[in-house]
Amino acid sequence: MKENKLRVAVVAHDNKKADLVAFVMHELDHFKGVDLVATGTTGSFLERAGLSVERKASGPLGGDAQIAADIVEGKIDGVIFIIDPLSAHPHEVDIQMLLRICNVQNVPIATNLATARLLVEGRLRA
């Protein structure tokens, strides 16, 4: 049985981590009462900004797969994964797997800040 509190996974590629943190801080009112789950390095950026985050492994070390497993188990209500489309990523297979799991499980996923803004202003509004 799901809790009433939303759980949102937040992930960002290296060149987008600062953008993600700035976005979350700007939209902080929308994240009140939301449990954040993040891959390791993204989580450390958010923690340094003063946020409470459940940290998984870093993406290349299986963090994307851990978040995907949580999605399959119904433990994640939405994903914000700010992708850097201009850089190569050695764990591209894991990234595609996470995107596919979101689509299979019908979990909303934002891959850029414009879509993330729409997601938090609609779905995460208290």
C-alpha atoms as a PDB file:
ATOM      1  CA  MET A   1       0.000   0.000   0.000  1.00  0.00           C
ATOM      2  CA  LYS A   2       1.384   3.403  -1.027  1.00  0.00           C
ATOM      3  CA  GLU A   3       1.915   6.207   1.423  1.00  0.00           C
ATOM      4  CA  ASN A   4       0.255   9.550   0.714  1.00  0.00           C
ATOM      5  CA  LYS A   5       3.606  11.331   0.555  1.00  0.00           C
ATOM      6  CA  LEU A   6       5.014  11.597  -2.967  1.00  0.00           C
ATOM      7  CA  ARG A   7       8.459  10.171  -3.732  1.00  0.00           C
ATOM      8  CA  VAL A   8      10.289  11.770  -6.615  1.00  0.00           C
ATOM      9  CA  ALA A   9      13.583  10.596  -8.064  1.00  0.00           C
ATOM     10  CA  VAL A  10      15.936  13.361  -9.159  1.00  0.00           C
ATOM     11  CA  VAL A  11      18.950  12.676 -11.355  1.00  0.00           C
ATOM     12  CA  ALA A  12      21.175  14.865 -13.506  1.00  0.00           C
ATOM     13  CA  HIS A  13      24.155  14.322 -15.737  1.00  0.00           C
ATOM     14  CA  ASP A  14      27.367  15.963 -14.527  1.00  0.00           C
ATOM     15  CA  ASN A  15      27.036  19.116 -16.649  1.00  0.00           C
ATOM     16  CA  LYS A  16      23.418  19.549 -15.476  1.00  0.00           C
ATOM     17  CA  LYS A  17      23.717  18.951 -11.716  1.00  0.00           C
ATOM     18  CA  ALA A  18      24.024  22.653 -10.845  1.00  0.00           C
ATOM     19  CA  ASP A  19      20.972  23.385 -13.031  1.00  0.00           C
ATOM     20  CA  LEU A  20      18.972  20.706 -11.213  1.00  0.00           C
ATOM     21  CA  VAL A  21      19.925  22.004  -7.771  1.00  0.00           C
ATOM     22  CA  ALA A  22      19.028  25.578  -8.804  1.00  0.00           C
ATOM     23  CA  PHE A  23      15.685  24.312 -10.150  1.00  0.00           C
ATOM     24  CA  VAL A  24      14.823  22.412  -6.964  1.00  0.00           C
ATOM     25  CA  MET A  25      15.771  25.395  -4.797  1.00  0.00           C
ATOM     26  CA  HIS A  26      13.674  27.728  -6.979  1.00  0.00           C
ATOM     27  CA  GLU A  27      10.691  25.359  -6.798  1.00  0.00           C
ATOM     28  CA  LEU A  28      11.221  24.497  -3.127  1.00  0.00           C
ATOM     29  CA  ASP A  29       7.599  25.214  -2.173  1.00  0.00           C
ATOM     30  CA  HIS A  30       6.501  22.490  -4.606  1.00  0.00           C
ATOM     31  CA  PHE A  31       8.928  20.004  -3.055  1.00  0.00           C
ATOM     32  CA  LYS A  32       7.745  20.513   0.532  1.00  0.00           C
ATOM     33  CA  GLY A  33       6.256  17.251   1.735  1.00  0.00           C
ATOM     34  CA  VAL A  34       7.939  15.298  -1.083  1.00  0.00           C
ATOM     35  CA  ASP A  35      10.554  12.633  -0.411  1.00  0.00           C
ATOM     36  CA  LEU A  36      13.488  13.012  -2.784  1.00  0.00           C
ATOM     37  CA  VAL A  37      15.459  10.029  -4.030  1.00  0.00           C
ATOM     38  CA  ALA A  38      18.625  10.619  -6.044  1.00  0.00           C
ATOM     39  CA  THR A  39      21.594   8.880  -7.533  1.00  0.00           C
ATOM     40  CA  GLY A  40      24.743   9.288  -5.449  1.00  0.00           C
ATOM     41  CA  THR A  41      26.490  12.320  -6.880  1.00  0.00           C
ATOM     42  CA  THR A  42      23.288  14.205  -7.645  1.00  0.00           C
ATOM     43  CA  GLY A  43      22.166  13.465  -4.087  1.00  0.00           C
ATOM     44  CA  SER A  44      25.383  14.887  -2.666  1.00  0.00           C
ATOM     45  CA  PHE A  45      24.818  18.133  -4.602  1.00  0.00           C
ATOM     46  CA  LEU A  46      21.294  18.379  -3.185  1.00  0.00           C
ATOM     47  CA  GLU A  47      22.487  17.603   0.350  1.00  0.00           C
ATOM     48  CA  ARG A  48      25.109  20.366   0.102  1.00  0.00           C
ATOM     49  CA  ALA A  49      22.218  22.698  -0.755  1.00  0.00           C
ATOM     50  CA  GLY A  50      20.597  21.687   2.553  1.00  0.00           C
ATOM     51  CA  LEU A  51      18.018  19.210   1.266  1.00  0.00           C
ATOM     52  CA  SER A  52      17.189  15.798   2.692  1.00  0.00           C
ATOM     53  CA  VAL A  53      17.661  13.081   0.078  1.00  0.00           C
ATOM     54  CA  GLU A  54      17.660   9.291   0.000  1.00  0.00           C
ATOM     55  CA  ARG A  55      20.835   8.545  -1.924  1.00  0.00           C
ATOM     56  CA  LYS A  56      21.311   5.534  -4.168  1.00  0.00           C
ATOM     57  CA  ALA A  57      24.584   4.541  -5.875  1.00  0.00           C
ATOM     58  CA  SER A  58      25.929   6.873  -8.533  1.00  0.00           C
ATOM     59  CA  GLY A  59      24.415   6.345 -11.982  1.00  0.00           C
ATOM     60  CA  PRO A  60      27.369   4.511 -13.552  1.00  0.00           C
ATOM     61  CA  LEU A  61      27.583   2.242 -10.476  1.00  0.00           C
ATOM     62  CA  GLY A  62      23.939   1.132 -10.593  1.00  0.00           C
ATOM     63  CA  GLY A  63      21.976   4.068  -9.178  1.00  0.00           C
ATOM     64  CA  ASP A  64      19.794   4.320 -12.281  1.00  0.00           C
ATOM     65  CA  ALA A  65      18.978   0.607 -11.927  1.00  0.00           C
ATOM     66  CA  GLN A  66      18.157   1.046  -8.221  1.00  0.00           C
ATOM     67  CA  ILE A  67      15.719   3.843  -9.060  1.00  0.00           C
ATOM     68  CA  ALA A  68      14.214   1.728 -11.860  1.00  0.00           C
ATOM     69  CA  ALA A  69      13.694  -1.119  -9.363  1.00  0.00           C
ATOM     70  CA  ASP A  70      11.910   1.295  -7.006  1.00  0.00           C
ATOM     71  CA  ILE A  71       9.676   2.362  -9.904  1.00  0.00           C
ATOM     72  CA  VAL A  72       8.767  -1.250 -10.684  1.00  0.00           C
ATOM     73  CA  GLU A  73       7.911  -1.765  -6.987  1.00  0.00           C
ATOM     74  CA  GLY A  74       5.621   1.295  -7.042  1.00  0.00           C
ATOM     75  CA  LYS A  75       7.870   3.325  -4.733  1.00  0.00           C
ATOM     76  CA  ILE A  76       8.499   6.298  -7.070  1.00  0.00           C
ATOM     77  CA  ASP A  77       5.761   8.677  -8.226  1.00  0.00           C
ATOM     78  CA  GLY A  78       7.776  10.727 -10.709  1.00  0.00           C
ATOM     79  CA  VAL A  79      11.276  11.204 -12.087  1.00  0.00           C
ATOM     80  CA  ILE A  80      13.193  14.334 -12.959  1.00  0.00           C
ATOM     81  CA  PHE A  81      16.251  13.278 -14.952  1.00  0.00           C
ATOM     82  CA  ILE A  82      17.986  16.305 -16.434  1.00  0.00           C
ATOM     83  CA  ILE A  83      19.875  14.848 -19.365  1.00  0.00           C
ATOM     84  CA  ASP A  84      22.876  16.440 -21.061  1.00  0.00           C
ATOM     85  CA  PRO A  85      22.137  15.700 -24.721  1.00  0.00           C
ATOM     86  CA  LEU A  86      25.500  17.078 -25.875  1.00  0.00           C
ATOM     87  CA  SER A  87      27.765  14.665 -23.988  1.00  0.00           C
ATOM     88  CA  ALA A  88      28.429  10.952 -24.320  1.00  0.00           C
ATOM     89  CA  HIS A  89      27.535   8.817 -21.313  1.00  0.00           C
ATOM     90  CA  PRO A  90      29.287   5.503 -20.664  1.00  0.00           C
ATOM     91  CA  HIS A  91      26.215   4.056 -18.943  1.00  0.00           C
ATOM     92  CA  GLU A  92      23.783   4.968 -21.757  1.00  0.00           C
ATOM     93  CA  VAL A  93      22.208   1.499 -21.541  1.00  0.00           C
ATOM     94  CA  ASP A  94      21.211   2.178 -17.910  1.00  0.00           C
ATOM     95  CA  ILE A  95      19.772   5.568 -18.849  1.00  0.00           C
ATOM     96  CA  GLN A  96      17.665   4.040 -21.615  1.00  0.00           C
ATOM     97  CA  MET A  97      16.527   1.304 -19.214  1.00  0.00           C
ATOM     98  CA  LEU A  98      15.340   3.920 -16.703  1.00  0.00           C
ATOM     99  CA  LEU A  99      13.455   5.810 -19.416  1.00  0.00           C
ATOM    100  CA  ARG A 100      11.872   2.568 -20.646  1.00  0.00           C
ATOM    101  CA  ILE A 101      10.801   1.520 -17.131  1.00  0.00           C
ATOM    102  CA  CYS A 102       9.134   4.908 -16.624  1.00  0.00           C
ATOM    103  CA  ASN A 103       7.199   4.403 -19.850  1.00  0.00           C
ATOM    104  CA  VAL A 104       6.270   0.792 -19.070  1.00  0.00           C
ATOM    105  CA  GLN A 105       5.118   1.686 -15.546  1.00  0.00           C
ATOM    106  CA  ASN A 106       3.430   4.937 -16.666  1.00  0.00           C
ATOM    107  CA  VAL A 107       5.514   7.049 -14.291  1.00  0.00           C
ATOM    108  CA  PRO A 108       5.949  10.676 -15.369  1.00  0.00           C
ATOM    109  CA  ILE A 109       9.519  11.592 -16.302  1.00  0.00           C
ATOM    110  CA  ALA A 110      10.957  14.999 -17.146  1.00  0.00           C
ATOM    111  CA  THR A 111      14.257  15.056 -19.031  1.00  0.00           C
ATOM    112  CA  ASN A 112      14.668  18.824 -19.252  1.00  0.00           C
ATOM    113  CA  LEU A 113      13.930  21.794 -17.009  1.00  0.00           C
ATOM    114  CA  ALA A 114      10.898  23.003 -18.978  1.00  0.00           C
ATOM    115  CA  THR A 115       9.141  19.658 -18.551  1.00  0.00           C
ATOM    116  CA  ALA A 116      10.279  19.404 -14.933  1.00  0.00           C
ATOM    117  CA  ARG A 117       8.643  22.759 -14.248  1.00  0.00           C
ATOM    118  CA  LEU A 118       5.346  21.531 -15.708  1.00  0.00           C
ATOM    119  CA  LEU A 119       5.599  18.352 -13.656  1.00  0.00           C
ATOM    120  CA  VAL A 120       6.173  20.065 -10.316  1.00  0.00           C
ATOM    121  CA  GLU A 121       3.646  22.824 -10.910  1.00  0.00           C
ATOM    122  CA  GLY A 122       0.957  20.266 -11.693  1.00  0.00           C
ATOM    123  CA  ARG A 123       1.631  16.900 -10.095  1.00  0.00           C
ATOM    124  CA  LEU A 124       3.552  17.980  -7.010  1.00  0.00           C
ATOM    125  CA  ARG A 125       1.291  20.813  -5.976  1.00  0.00           C
ATOM    126  CA  ALA A 126       0.131  20.229  -2.417  1.00  0.00           C
END
